[in-house]
Amino acid sequence: PSSPVYREHALALTRAIAERYREH
């Protein structure tokens, strides 16, 4: 849970999904 690698990739995925479906 403290991994900076996990957090970096998780936040990148979160942003990609949010931007894709922000207006759905």
PDB file of all heavy atoms in Angstrom:
ATOM      1  N   PRO A   1       0.798  -1.231   0.000  1.00  0.00           N
ATOM      2  CA  PRO A   1       0.000   0.000   0.000  1.00  0.00           C
ATOM      3  C   PRO A   1       0.831   1.281   0.000  1.00  0.00           C
ATOM      4  O   PRO A   1       0.322   2.334  -0.399  1.00  0.00           O
ATOM      5  CB  PRO A   1      -0.819  -0.116   1.288  1.00  0.00           C
ATOM      6  CG  PRO A   1      -0.908  -1.581   1.555  1.00  0.00           C
ATOM      7  CD  PRO A   1       0.417  -2.127   1.117  1.00  0.00           C
ATOM      8  N   SER A   2       2.100   1.198   0.431  1.00  0.00           N
ATOM      9  CA  SER A   2       2.953   2.380   0.471  1.00  0.00           C
ATOM     10  C   SER A   2       3.804   2.550  -0.780  1.00  0.00           C
ATOM     11  O   SER A   2       4.556   3.525  -0.886  1.00  0.00           O
ATOM     12  CB  SER A   2       3.889   2.314   1.688  1.00  0.00           C
ATOM     13  OG  SER A   2       3.161   2.217   2.894  1.00  0.00           O
ATOM     14  N   SER A   3       3.687   1.632  -1.722  1.00  0.00           N
ATOM     15  CA  SER A   3       4.573   1.627  -2.884  1.00  0.00           C
ATOM     16  C   SER A   3       4.364   2.856  -3.762  1.00  0.00           C
ATOM     17  O   SER A   3       3.265   3.068  -4.292  1.00  0.00           O
ATOM     18  CB  SER A   3       4.334   0.370  -3.725  1.00  0.00           C
ATOM     19  OG  SER A   3       4.982   0.475  -4.971  1.00  0.00           O
ATOM     20  N   PRO A   4       5.416   3.667  -3.996  1.00  0.00           N
ATOM     21  CA  PRO A   4       5.273   4.804  -4.915  1.00  0.00           C
ATOM     22  C   PRO A   4       5.067   4.351  -6.351  1.00  0.00           C
ATOM     23  O   PRO A   4       4.431   5.053  -7.139  1.00  0.00           O
ATOM     24  CB  PRO A   4       6.587   5.575  -4.734  1.00  0.00           C
ATOM     25  CG  PRO A   4       7.554   4.594  -4.161  1.00  0.00           C
ATOM     26  CD  PRO A   4       6.748   3.629  -3.357  1.00  0.00           C
ATOM     27  N   VAL A   5       5.591   3.183  -6.697  1.00  0.00           N
ATOM     28  CA  VAL A   5       5.390   2.644  -8.047  1.00  0.00           C
ATOM     29  C   VAL A   5       3.917   2.324  -8.256  1.00  0.00           C
ATOM     30  O   VAL A   5       3.320   2.696  -9.284  1.00  0.00           O
ATOM     31  CB  VAL A   5       6.255   1.388  -8.270  1.00  0.00           C
ATOM     32  CG1 VAL A   5       5.922   0.736  -9.618  1.00  0.00           C
ATOM     33  CG2 VAL A   5       7.724   1.727  -8.193  1.00  0.00           C
ATOM     34  N   TYR A   6       3.319   1.627  -7.289  1.00  0.00           N
ATOM     35  CA  TYR A   6       1.893   1.324  -7.410  1.00  0.00           C
ATOM     36  C   TYR A   6       1.086   2.613  -7.515  1.00  0.00           C
ATOM     37  O   TYR A   6       0.200   2.744  -8.379  1.00  0.00           O
ATOM     38  CB  TYR A   6       1.410   0.511  -6.207  1.00  0.00           C
ATOM     39  CG  TYR A   6      -0.105   0.442  -6.147  1.00  0.00           C
ATOM     40  CD1 TYR A   6      -0.804  -0.410  -6.991  1.00  0.00           C
ATOM     41  CD2 TYR A   6      -0.828   1.284  -5.292  1.00  0.00           C
ATOM     42  CE1 TYR A   6      -2.192  -0.434  -6.976  1.00  0.00           C
ATOM     43  CE2 TYR A   6      -2.212   1.255  -5.270  1.00  0.00           C
ATOM     44  CZ  TYR A   6      -2.895   0.403  -6.108  1.00  0.00           C
ATOM     45  OH  TYR A   6      -4.260   0.385  -6.111  1.00  0.00           O
ATOM     46  N   ARG A   7       1.361   3.567  -6.662  1.00  0.00           N
ATOM     47  CA  ARG A   7       0.570   4.800  -6.647  1.00  0.00           C
ATOM     48  C   ARG A   7       0.710   5.564  -7.963  1.00  0.00           C
ATOM     49  O   ARG A   7      -0.280   6.086  -8.489  1.00  0.00           O
ATOM     50  CB  ARG A   7       0.985   5.668  -5.460  1.00  0.00           C
ATOM     51  CG  ARG A   7       0.554   5.087  -4.122  1.00  0.00           C
ATOM     52  CD  ARG A   7       0.932   5.969  -2.949  1.00  0.00           C
ATOM     53  NE  ARG A   7       0.402   5.426  -1.697  1.00  0.00           N
ATOM     54  CZ  ARG A   7       0.581   5.982  -0.501  1.00  0.00           C
ATOM     55  NH1 ARG A   7       1.271   7.117  -0.386  1.00  0.00           N
ATOM     56  NH2 ARG A   7       0.067   5.419   0.586  1.00  0.00           N
ATOM     57  N   GLU A   8       1.911   5.623  -8.499  1.00  0.00           N
ATOM     58  CA  GLU A   8       2.117   6.337  -9.769  1.00  0.00           C
ATOM     59  C   GLU A   8       1.265   5.725 -10.883  1.00  0.00           C
ATOM     60  O   GLU A   8       0.561   6.438 -11.616  1.00  0.00           O
ATOM     61  CB  GLU A   8       3.597   6.286 -10.154  1.00  0.00           C
ATOM     62  CG  GLU A   8       3.895   6.890 -11.517  1.00  0.00           C
ATOM     63  CD  GLU A   8       5.329   6.653 -11.969  1.00  0.00           C
ATOM     64  OE1 GLU A   8       6.132   6.121 -11.161  1.00  0.00           O
ATOM     65  OE2 GLU A   8       5.641   6.968 -13.127  1.00  0.00           O
ATOM     66  N   HIS A   9       1.305   4.404 -11.008  1.00  0.00           N
ATOM     67  CA  HIS A   9       0.569   3.741 -12.085  1.00  0.00           C
ATOM     68  C   HIS A   9      -0.940   3.747 -11.813  1.00  0.00           C
ATOM     69  O   HIS A   9      -1.743   3.880 -12.748  1.00  0.00           O
ATOM     70  CB  HIS A   9       1.083   2.322 -12.281  1.00  0.00           C
ATOM     71  CG  HIS A   9       2.417   2.260 -12.960  1.00  0.00           C
ATOM     72  ND1 HIS A   9       3.601   2.441 -12.285  1.00  0.00           N
ATOM     73  CD2 HIS A   9       2.756   2.063 -14.260  1.00  0.00           C
ATOM     74  CE1 HIS A   9       4.625   2.343 -13.124  1.00  0.00           C
ATOM     75  NE2 HIS A   9       4.135   2.120 -14.332  1.00  0.00           N
ATOM     76  N   ALA A  10      -1.337   3.599 -10.548  1.00  0.00           N
ATOM     77  CA  ALA A  10      -2.763   3.622 -10.220  1.00  0.00           C
ATOM     78  C   ALA A  10      -3.371   4.991 -10.522  1.00  0.00           C
ATOM     79  O   ALA A  10      -4.491   5.084 -11.047  1.00  0.00           O
ATOM     80  CB  ALA A  10      -2.968   3.261  -8.751  1.00  0.00           C
ATOM     81  N   LEU A  11      -2.648   6.057 -10.223  1.00  0.00           N
ATOM     82  CA  LEU A  11      -3.172   7.391 -10.480  1.00  0.00           C
ATOM     83  C   LEU A  11      -3.229   7.689 -11.971  1.00  0.00           C
ATOM     84  O   LEU A  11      -4.152   8.373 -12.443  1.00  0.00           O
ATOM     85  CB  LEU A  11      -2.326   8.433  -9.755  1.00  0.00           C
ATOM     86  CG  LEU A  11      -2.382   8.381  -8.227  1.00  0.00           C
ATOM     87  CD1 LEU A  11      -1.492   9.447  -7.613  1.00  0.00           C
ATOM     88  CD2 LEU A  11      -3.806   8.542  -7.730  1.00  0.00           C
ATOM     89  N   ALA A  12      -2.254   7.174 -12.723  1.00  0.00           N
ATOM     90  CA  ALA A  12      -2.294   7.361 -14.178  1.00  0.00           C
ATOM     91  C   ALA A  12      -3.504   6.660 -14.782  1.00  0.00           C
ATOM     92  O   ALA A  12      -4.179   7.205 -15.668  1.00  0.00           O
ATOM     93  CB  ALA A  12      -1.005   6.836 -14.806  1.00  0.00           C
ATOM     94  N   LEU A  13      -3.794   5.452 -14.316  1.00  0.00           N
ATOM     95  CA  LEU A  13      -4.967   4.724 -14.811  1.00  0.00           C
ATOM     96  C   LEU A  13      -6.247   5.448 -14.395  1.00  0.00           C
ATOM     97  O   LEU A  13      -7.185   5.587 -15.206  1.00  0.00           O
ATOM     98  CB  LEU A  13      -4.962   3.298 -14.260  1.00  0.00           C
ATOM     99  CG  LEU A  13      -6.177   2.434 -14.616  1.00  0.00           C
ATOM    100  CD1 LEU A  13      -6.274   2.212 -16.119  1.00  0.00           C
ATOM    101  CD2 LEU A  13      -6.128   1.096 -13.872  1.00  0.00           C
ATOM    102  N   THR A  14      -6.307   5.890 -13.159  1.00  0.00           N
ATOM    103  CA  THR A  14      -7.489   6.617 -12.678  1.00  0.00           C
ATOM    104  C   THR A  14      -7.763   7.844 -13.542  1.00  0.00           C
ATOM    105  O   THR A  14      -8.913   8.109 -13.935  1.00  0.00           O
ATOM    106  CB  THR A  14      -7.290   7.030 -11.212  1.00  0.00           C
ATOM    107  OG1 THR A  14      -7.146   5.861 -10.400  1.00  0.00           O
ATOM    108  CG2 THR A  14      -8.465   7.855 -10.701  1.00  0.00           C
ATOM    109  N   ARG A  15      -6.720   8.592 -13.856  1.00  0.00           N
ATOM    110  CA  ARG A  15      -6.902   9.783 -14.683  1.00  0.00           C
ATOM    111  C   ARG A  15      -7.381   9.419 -16.082  1.00  0.00           C
ATOM    112  O   ARG A  15      -8.284  10.085 -16.632  1.00  0.00           O
ATOM    113  CB  ARG A  15      -5.588  10.576 -14.762  1.00  0.00           C
ATOM    114  CG  ARG A  15      -5.702  11.863 -15.565  1.00  0.00           C
ATOM    115  CD  ARG A  15      -4.438  12.697 -15.438  1.00  0.00           C
ATOM    116  NE  ARG A  15      -4.246  13.163 -14.066  1.00  0.00           N
ATOM    117  CZ  ARG A  15      -4.830  14.236 -13.557  1.00  0.00           C
ATOM    118  NH1 ARG A  15      -5.670  14.962 -14.297  1.00  0.00           N
ATOM    119  NH2 ARG A  15      -4.601  14.595 -12.317  1.00  0.00           N
ATOM    120  N   ALA A  16      -6.815   8.373 -16.662  1.00  0.00           N
ATOM    121  CA  ALA A  16      -7.213   7.977 -18.013  1.00  0.00           C
ATOM    122  C   ALA A  16      -8.691   7.585 -18.054  1.00  0.00           C
ATOM    123  O   ALA A  16      -9.428   7.964 -18.975  1.00  0.00           O
ATOM    124  CB  ALA A  16      -6.342   6.828 -18.498  1.00  0.00           C
ATOM    125  N   ILE A  17      -9.145   6.832 -17.050  1.00  0.00           N
ATOM    126  CA  ILE A  17     -10.547   6.410 -17.003  1.00  0.00           C
ATOM    127  C   ILE A  17     -11.454   7.615 -16.771  1.00  0.00           C
ATOM    128  O   ILE A  17     -12.506   7.764 -17.408  1.00  0.00           O
ATOM    129  CB  ILE A  17     -10.745   5.353 -15.908  1.00  0.00           C
ATOM    130  CG1 ILE A  17     -10.017   4.048 -16.281  1.00  0.00           C
ATOM    131  CG2 ILE A  17     -12.223   5.069 -15.679  1.00  0.00           C
ATOM    132  CD1 ILE A  17     -10.036   3.005 -15.192  1.00  0.00           C
ATOM    133  N   ALA A  18     -11.057   8.493 -15.856  1.00  0.00           N
ATOM    134  CA  ALA A  18     -11.886   9.662 -15.547  1.00  0.00           C
ATOM    135  C   ALA A  18     -12.035  10.559 -16.771  1.00  0.00           C
ATOM    136  O   ALA A  18     -13.142  11.054 -17.059  1.00  0.00           O
ATOM    137  CB  ALA A  18     -11.276  10.432 -14.380  1.00  0.00           C
ATOM    138  N   GLU A  19     -10.957  10.779 -17.491  1.00  0.00           N
ATOM    139  CA  GLU A  19     -11.037  11.641 -18.667  1.00  0.00           C
ATOM    140  C   GLU A  19     -11.835  10.996 -19.782  1.00  0.00           C
ATOM    141  O   GLU A  19     -12.538  11.683 -20.530  1.00  0.00           O
ATOM    142  CB  GLU A  19      -9.626  11.993 -19.131  1.00  0.00           C
ATOM    143  CG  GLU A  19      -8.910  12.929 -18.151  1.00  0.00           C
ATOM    144  CD  GLU A  19      -7.490  13.248 -18.558  1.00  0.00           C
ATOM    145  OE1 GLU A  19      -6.953  12.540 -19.462  1.00  0.00           O
ATOM    146  OE2 GLU A  19      -6.898  14.179 -17.977  1.00  0.00           O
ATOM    147  N   ARG A  20     -11.777   9.671 -19.877  1.00  0.00           N
ATOM    148  CA  ARG A  20     -12.533   8.967 -20.915  1.00  0.00           C
ATOM    149  C   ARG A  20     -14.041   9.057 -20.676  1.00  0.00           C
ATOM    150  O   ARG A  20     -14.816   9.215 -21.623  1.00  0.00           O
ATOM    151  CB  ARG A  20     -12.095   7.494 -20.942  1.00  0.00           C
ATOM    152  CG  ARG A  20     -12.792   6.643 -21.993  1.00  0.00           C
ATOM    153  CD  ARG A  20     -12.218   6.879 -23.355  1.00  0.00           C
ATOM    154  NE  ARG A  20     -12.739   5.973 -24.357  1.00  0.00           N
ATOM    155  CZ  ARG A  20     -12.181   5.788 -25.560  1.00  0.00           C
ATOM    156  NH1 ARG A  20     -11.067   6.448 -25.865  1.00  0.00           N
ATOM    157  NH2 ARG A  20     -12.713   4.972 -26.441  1.00  0.00           N
ATOM    158  N   TYR A  21     -14.466   8.936 -19.412  1.00  0.00           N
ATOM    159  CA  TYR A  21     -15.899   8.782 -19.136  1.00  0.00           C
ATOM    160  C   TYR A  21     -16.489   9.950 -18.345  1.00  0.00           C
ATOM    161  O   TYR A  21     -17.595   9.834 -17.813  1.00  0.00           O
ATOM    162  CB  TYR A  21     -16.132   7.458 -18.396  1.00  0.00           C
ATOM    163  CG  TYR A  21     -15.699   6.276 -19.233  1.00  0.00           C
ATOM    164  CD1 TYR A  21     -14.559   5.554 -18.902  1.00  0.00           C
ATOM    165  CD2 TYR A  21     -16.401   5.917 -20.376  1.00  0.00           C
ATOM    166  CE1 TYR A  21     -14.142   4.488 -19.684  1.00  0.00           C
ATOM    167  CE2 TYR A  21     -15.998   4.853 -21.171  1.00  0.00           C
ATOM    168  CZ  TYR A  21     -14.859   4.142 -20.820  1.00  0.00           C
ATOM    169  OH  TYR A  21     -14.456   3.095 -21.607  1.00  0.00           O
ATOM    170  N   ARG A  22     -15.789  11.059 -18.326  1.00  0.00           N
ATOM    171  CA  ARG A  22     -16.221  12.197 -17.510  1.00  0.00           C
ATOM    172  C   ARG A  22     -17.607  12.698 -17.884  1.00  0.00           C
ATOM    173  O   ARG A  22     -18.351  13.188 -17.033  1.00  0.00           O
ATOM    174  CB  ARG A  22     -15.209  13.335 -17.630  1.00  0.00           C
ATOM    175  CG  ARG A  22     -15.051  13.889 -19.053  1.00  0.00           C
ATOM    176  CD  ARG A  22     -13.844  14.798 -19.199  1.00  0.00           C
ATOM    177  NE  ARG A  22     -13.895  15.927 -18.284  1.00  0.00           N
ATOM    178  CZ  ARG A  22     -12.866  16.750 -18.092  1.00  0.00           C
ATOM    179  NH1 ARG A  22     -11.719  16.550 -18.729  1.00  0.00           N
ATOM    180  NH2 ARG A  22     -12.986  17.757 -17.273  1.00  0.00           N
ATOM    181  N   GLU A  23     -17.998  12.572 -19.143  1.00  0.00           N
ATOM    182  CA  GLU A  23     -19.299  13.070 -19.585  1.00  0.00           C
ATOM    183  C   GLU A  23     -20.278  11.957 -19.919  1.00  0.00           C
ATOM    184  O   GLU A  23     -21.353  12.236 -20.462  1.00  0.00           O
ATOM    185  CB  GLU A  23     -19.110  13.973 -20.814  1.00  0.00           C
ATOM    186  CG  GLU A  23     -18.225  15.183 -20.580  1.00  0.00           C
ATOM    187  CD  GLU A  23     -18.772  16.115 -19.514  1.00  0.00           C
ATOM    188  OE1 GLU A  23     -19.992  16.083 -19.257  1.00  0.00           O
ATOM    189  OE2 GLU A  23     -17.978  16.879 -18.932  1.00  0.00           O
ATOM    190  N   HIS A  24     -19.935  10.712 -19.623  1.00  0.00           N
ATOM    191  CA  HIS A  24     -20.849   9.627 -19.981  1.00  0.00           C
ATOM    192  C   HIS A  24     -22.118   9.732 -19.135  1.00  0.00           C
ATOM    193  O   HIS A  24     -22.061   9.798 -17.907  1.00  0.00           O
ATOM    194  CB  HIS A  24     -20.194   8.265 -19.770  1.00  0.00           C
ATOM    195  CG  HIS A  24     -20.905   7.157 -20.493  1.00  0.00           C
ATOM    196  ND1 HIS A  24     -22.111   6.653 -20.077  1.00  0.00           N
ATOM    197  CD2 HIS A  24     -20.582   6.480 -21.632  1.00  0.00           C
ATOM    198  CE1 HIS A  24     -22.510   5.712 -20.910  1.00  0.00           C
ATOM    199  NE2 HIS A  24     -21.595   5.586 -21.867  1.00  0.00           N
TER     200      HIS A  24
END
